[in-house]
Amino acid sequence: MTVRVVLVDDQPLIRSALRVLIADSGDLVVVGEAGTGDEAVTVVARMRPDVVVMDIRMPGMDGIEATRRVVVGPDAPRVLILTTFDDDEYVYGALRAGASGFLVKDMALDEILGAIRVVAGGEALLAPRVTQLLIEEFVRRPATVAPAGPTRTADVITEREREVLTLIGQGRSNTEIAGELWISVATAKAHVGRLLTKLDARDRVHLVILAYEMGLVSTSR
């Protein structure tokens, strides 16, 4: 199946580079482009893509607000944020707005294509560097997330689920978890689903925070 992609960035050069990269992929196709958040909302509504590669800093409406607007509805696309290291303060806001993951602008080209495929397949993409930012932001702003309740403790999960939660906390995708633990991707997804239920977590991002709360990952670099 071909994955339909919309590129949103105020720098035409970046959009052009991504367009050429995607054109050679074979399984991805660019169906629209936008240079502002306002344009992104319009283009996404018209083209109905599977994935939106979204810049954060743009004139007018930024990528966070644009993300919030395009992810509503049953057929909403997945949003992959395009970020740089000096965008640290935006990471948490973008995840709360509904972004499925992050692309770092200095990633290798094959990693960018892989990231688009990961989120198109329904997974969240939290690269280790971005996961670290998320945890550090949570530490600075503990009131933004409800504290762990009595059921959100390590003793309600199995040893295998603890291993999976640790890897989620390190920013691994389901595919990477499967490879690390020598299990199938379907089994990895099943473990994630059970963790969401047992720990009463809203989403994968919340699992990252819970992994930190349980001491499975830390803020040390």
Protein backbone atom coordinates (compact mmCIF):
# COMPACT_ATOMS: atom_id res chain seq x y z
CA MET A 1 0.00 0.00 0.00
CA THR A 2 1.27 3.45 -0.91
CA VAL A 3 1.56 5.90 1.99
CA ARG A 4 0.27 9.39 1.15
CA VAL A 5 2.39 12.17 2.66
CA VAL A 6 1.94 15.93 3.06
CA LEU A 7 5.08 18.00 3.72
CA VAL A 8 4.77 21.12 5.90
CA ASP A 9 7.79 23.39 6.28
CA ASP A 10 8.35 27.12 5.68
CA GLN A 11 11.68 26.36 3.99
CA PRO A 12 11.12 25.31 0.35
CA LEU A 13 14.59 23.75 0.25
CA ILE A 14 13.72 21.28 3.00
CA ARG A 15 10.42 20.39 1.35
CA SER A 16 12.21 19.88 -1.95
CA ALA A 17 14.83 17.59 -0.41
CA LEU A 18 12.15 15.51 1.33
CA ARG A 19 10.06 15.36 -1.85
CA VAL A 20 12.99 13.99 -3.87
CA LEU A 21 13.81 11.49 -1.11
CA ILE A 22 10.23 10.24 -0.91
CA ALA A 23 9.88 10.05 -4.70
CA ASP A 24 12.65 7.45 -4.78
CA SER A 25 11.19 5.36 -1.95
CA GLY A 26 8.77 3.27 -3.98
CA ASP A 27 6.11 3.01 -1.27
CA LEU A 28 5.63 6.67 -0.27
CA VAL A 29 4.20 9.53 -2.31
CA VAL A 30 3.94 13.27 -1.63
CA VAL A 31 0.37 14.41 -2.28
CA GLY A 32 0.66 17.98 -1.01
CA GLU A 33 2.88 20.66 0.51
CA ALA A 34 2.40 23.68 2.75
CA GLY A 35 4.62 26.48 4.02
CA THR A 36 2.52 27.57 7.02
CA GLY A 37 0.29 26.01 9.61
CA ASP A 38 -2.80 27.57 8.07
CA GLU A 39 -1.92 26.14 4.66
CA ALA A 40 -1.29 22.76 6.27
CA VAL A 41 -4.80 22.59 7.71
CA THR A 42 -6.27 23.39 4.29
CA VAL A 43 -4.05 20.97 2.35
CA VAL A 44 -4.63 18.11 4.79
CA ALA A 45 -8.41 18.58 4.64
CA ARG A 46 -8.27 18.48 0.82
CA MET A 47 -5.73 15.70 0.26
CA ARG A 48 -6.48 13.44 3.26
CA PRO A 49 -2.95 12.05 3.62
CA ASP A 50 -1.84 9.16 5.81
CA VAL A 51 1.11 11.05 7.31
CA VAL A 52 1.92 14.75 7.72
CA VAL A 53 5.58 15.69 8.16
CA MET A 54 5.18 18.91 10.15
CA ASP A 55 7.69 21.62 10.99
CA ILE A 56 7.21 23.37 14.34
CA ARG A 57 8.43 26.90 13.78
CA MET A 58 6.53 28.61 10.97
CA PRO A 59 5.05 32.06 10.36
CA GLY A 60 1.54 32.53 11.73
CA MET A 61 0.09 29.27 13.04
CA ASP A 62 2.91 27.06 14.31
CA GLY A 63 3.21 23.31 13.89
CA ILE A 64 1.80 22.54 17.33
CA GLU A 65 -1.51 24.31 16.68
CA ALA A 66 -1.65 22.92 13.15
CA THR A 67 -1.14 19.42 14.57
CA ARG A 68 -3.94 19.94 17.06
CA ARG A 69 -6.28 20.87 14.21
CA VAL A 70 -5.41 18.13 11.71
CA VAL A 71 -5.52 15.15 14.07
CA VAL A 72 -9.22 15.48 14.87
CA GLY A 73 -11.73 13.10 13.31
CA PRO A 74 -11.83 9.34 12.67
CA ASP A 75 -9.73 9.49 9.49
CA ALA A 76 -7.15 11.95 10.82
CA PRO A 77 -3.58 11.55 9.55
CA ARG A 78 -0.62 10.69 11.72
CA VAL A 79 1.66 13.67 12.35
CA LEU A 80 5.44 13.38 12.38
CA ILE A 81 7.05 16.53 13.78
CA LEU A 82 10.16 17.88 12.07
CA THR A 83 12.34 19.34 14.82
CA THR A 84 15.84 20.52 15.73
CA PHE A 85 17.72 20.32 19.01
CA ASP A 86 16.83 23.93 19.90
CA ASP A 87 13.14 23.02 19.74
CA ASP A 88 13.32 21.29 23.13
CA GLU A 89 10.57 23.41 24.66
CA TYR A 90 8.12 22.35 21.93
CA VAL A 91 8.46 18.59 22.27
CA TYR A 92 6.01 18.11 25.11
CA GLY A 93 3.46 20.50 23.63
CA ALA A 94 3.55 18.76 20.27
CA LEU A 95 2.99 15.34 21.83
CA ARG A 96 0.06 16.66 23.83
CA ALA A 97 -1.35 18.14 20.62
CA GLY A 98 -1.47 14.66 19.10
CA ALA A 99 1.81 14.19 17.25
CA SER A 100 2.78 10.55 16.70
CA GLY A 101 6.51 11.16 16.69
CA PHE A 102 9.47 13.30 15.80
CA LEU A 103 11.96 13.60 12.98
CA VAL A 104 15.24 15.26 13.88
CA LYS A 105 16.46 17.34 10.96
CA ASP A 106 19.96 15.85 11.08
CA MET A 107 18.72 12.25 10.73
CA ALA A 108 20.08 10.07 7.96
CA LEU A 109 17.87 9.94 4.88
CA ASP A 110 16.96 6.27 5.27
CA GLU A 111 15.99 6.94 8.89
CA ILE A 112 13.56 9.65 7.74
CA LEU A 113 11.84 7.23 5.37
CA GLY A 114 11.76 4.62 8.11
CA ALA A 115 10.20 7.09 10.54
CA ILE A 116 7.42 7.91 8.09
CA ARG A 117 6.70 4.20 7.62
CA VAL A 118 6.65 3.58 11.38
CA VAL A 119 4.00 6.19 12.12
CA ALA A 120 2.03 5.24 8.98
CA GLY A 121 1.83 1.74 10.44
CA GLY A 122 0.17 3.05 13.58
CA GLU A 123 3.16 3.21 15.89
CA ALA A 124 4.50 6.16 17.84
CA LEU A 125 8.06 7.19 17.09
CA LEU A 126 9.93 8.57 20.08
CA ALA A 127 13.62 8.64 19.24
CA PRO A 128 15.86 8.25 22.30
CA ARG A 129 16.99 11.88 22.13
CA VAL A 130 13.41 13.11 21.96
CA THR A 131 12.29 10.70 24.69
CA GLN A 132 14.96 12.20 26.94
CA LEU A 133 13.52 15.66 26.31
CA LEU A 134 10.02 14.42 27.08
CA ILE A 135 11.09 12.96 30.43
CA GLU A 136 13.05 16.05 31.38
CA GLU A 137 10.08 18.24 30.53
CA PHE A 138 7.88 16.01 32.68
CA VAL A 139 10.33 16.38 35.57
CA ARG A 140 10.21 20.17 35.24
CA ARG A 141 6.42 20.24 35.00
CA PRO A 142 5.08 17.36 37.12
CA ALA A 143 1.63 18.93 37.40
CA THR A 144 0.95 18.47 33.66
CA VAL A 145 0.51 14.71 34.10
CA ALA A 146 -1.55 12.98 36.77
CA PRO A 147 0.66 11.23 39.32
CA ALA A 148 0.84 7.47 39.25
CA GLY A 149 -2.08 5.88 41.05
CA PRO A 150 -1.91 2.75 43.20
CA THR A 151 -2.31 0.44 40.18
CA ARG A 152 0.53 2.08 38.28
CA THR A 153 3.26 0.15 40.02
CA ALA A 154 5.80 -2.32 38.76
CA ASP A 155 4.27 -5.24 40.67
CA VAL A 156 1.21 -5.41 38.38
CA ILE A 157 3.28 -6.21 35.29
CA THR A 158 5.26 -9.29 34.34
CA GLU A 159 9.02 -9.39 33.93
CA ARG A 160 8.61 -9.43 30.14
CA GLU A 161 6.26 -6.44 30.30
CA ARG A 162 8.83 -4.65 32.44
CA GLU A 163 11.41 -5.26 29.71
CA VAL A 164 9.02 -3.91 27.08
CA LEU A 165 8.19 -0.86 29.21
CA THR A 166 11.89 -0.15 29.69
CA LEU A 167 12.43 -0.19 25.93
CA ILE A 168 9.40 2.06 25.39
CA GLY A 169 10.93 4.43 27.91
CA GLN A 170 14.12 4.41 25.84
CA GLY A 171 12.13 5.46 22.77
CA ARG A 172 12.06 2.13 20.94
CA SER A 173 9.35 1.36 18.38
CA ASN A 174 7.44 -1.93 18.39
CA THR A 175 9.66 -3.20 15.59
CA GLU A 176 12.80 -2.34 17.57
CA ILE A 177 11.37 -3.93 20.72
CA ALA A 178 10.64 -7.11 18.77
CA GLY A 179 14.20 -7.25 17.49
CA GLU A 180 15.72 -6.54 20.90
CA LEU A 181 13.67 -9.20 22.70
CA TRP A 182 13.61 -11.76 19.87
CA ILE A 183 9.83 -11.74 19.62
CA SER A 184 7.42 -10.98 16.77
CA VAL A 185 6.14 -7.46 16.12
CA ALA A 186 2.62 -8.73 16.82
CA THR A 187 3.75 -10.00 20.21
CA ALA A 188 5.45 -6.68 20.96
CA LYS A 189 2.22 -4.85 20.10
CA ALA A 190 0.28 -7.20 22.37
CA HIS A 191 2.65 -6.46 25.26
CA VAL A 192 2.23 -2.71 24.68
CA GLY A 193 -1.54 -3.11 24.67
CA ARG A 194 -1.45 -4.99 27.97
CA LEU A 195 0.78 -2.33 29.50
CA LEU A 196 -1.65 0.40 28.48
CA THR A 197 -4.46 -1.51 30.18
CA LYS A 198 -2.64 -2.61 33.32
CA LEU A 199 -1.07 0.78 33.98
CA ASP A 200 -4.19 2.74 32.99
CA ALA A 201 -2.05 4.74 30.56
CA ARG A 202 -3.60 7.06 28.01
CA ASP A 203 -1.07 6.39 25.25
CA ARG A 204 2.51 5.42 24.48
CA VAL A 205 3.78 8.82 25.58
CA HIS A 206 2.22 8.24 28.98
CA LEU A 207 4.01 4.88 29.15
CA VAL A 208 7.31 6.73 28.69
CA ILE A 209 6.49 8.88 31.69
CA LEU A 210 5.43 5.87 33.76
CA ALA A 211 8.68 4.11 32.86
CA TYR A 212 10.48 7.12 34.32
CA GLU A 213 8.26 7.10 37.45
CA MET A 214 9.05 3.42 38.02
CA GLY A 215 12.78 4.06 37.75
CA LEU A 216 13.19 2.05 34.56
CA VAL A 217 14.71 5.02 32.72
CA SER A 218 16.41 8.15 34.01
CA THR A 219 17.16 11.70 32.94
CA SER A 220 20.91 11.12 32.85
CA ARG A 221 22.45 11.65 29.41
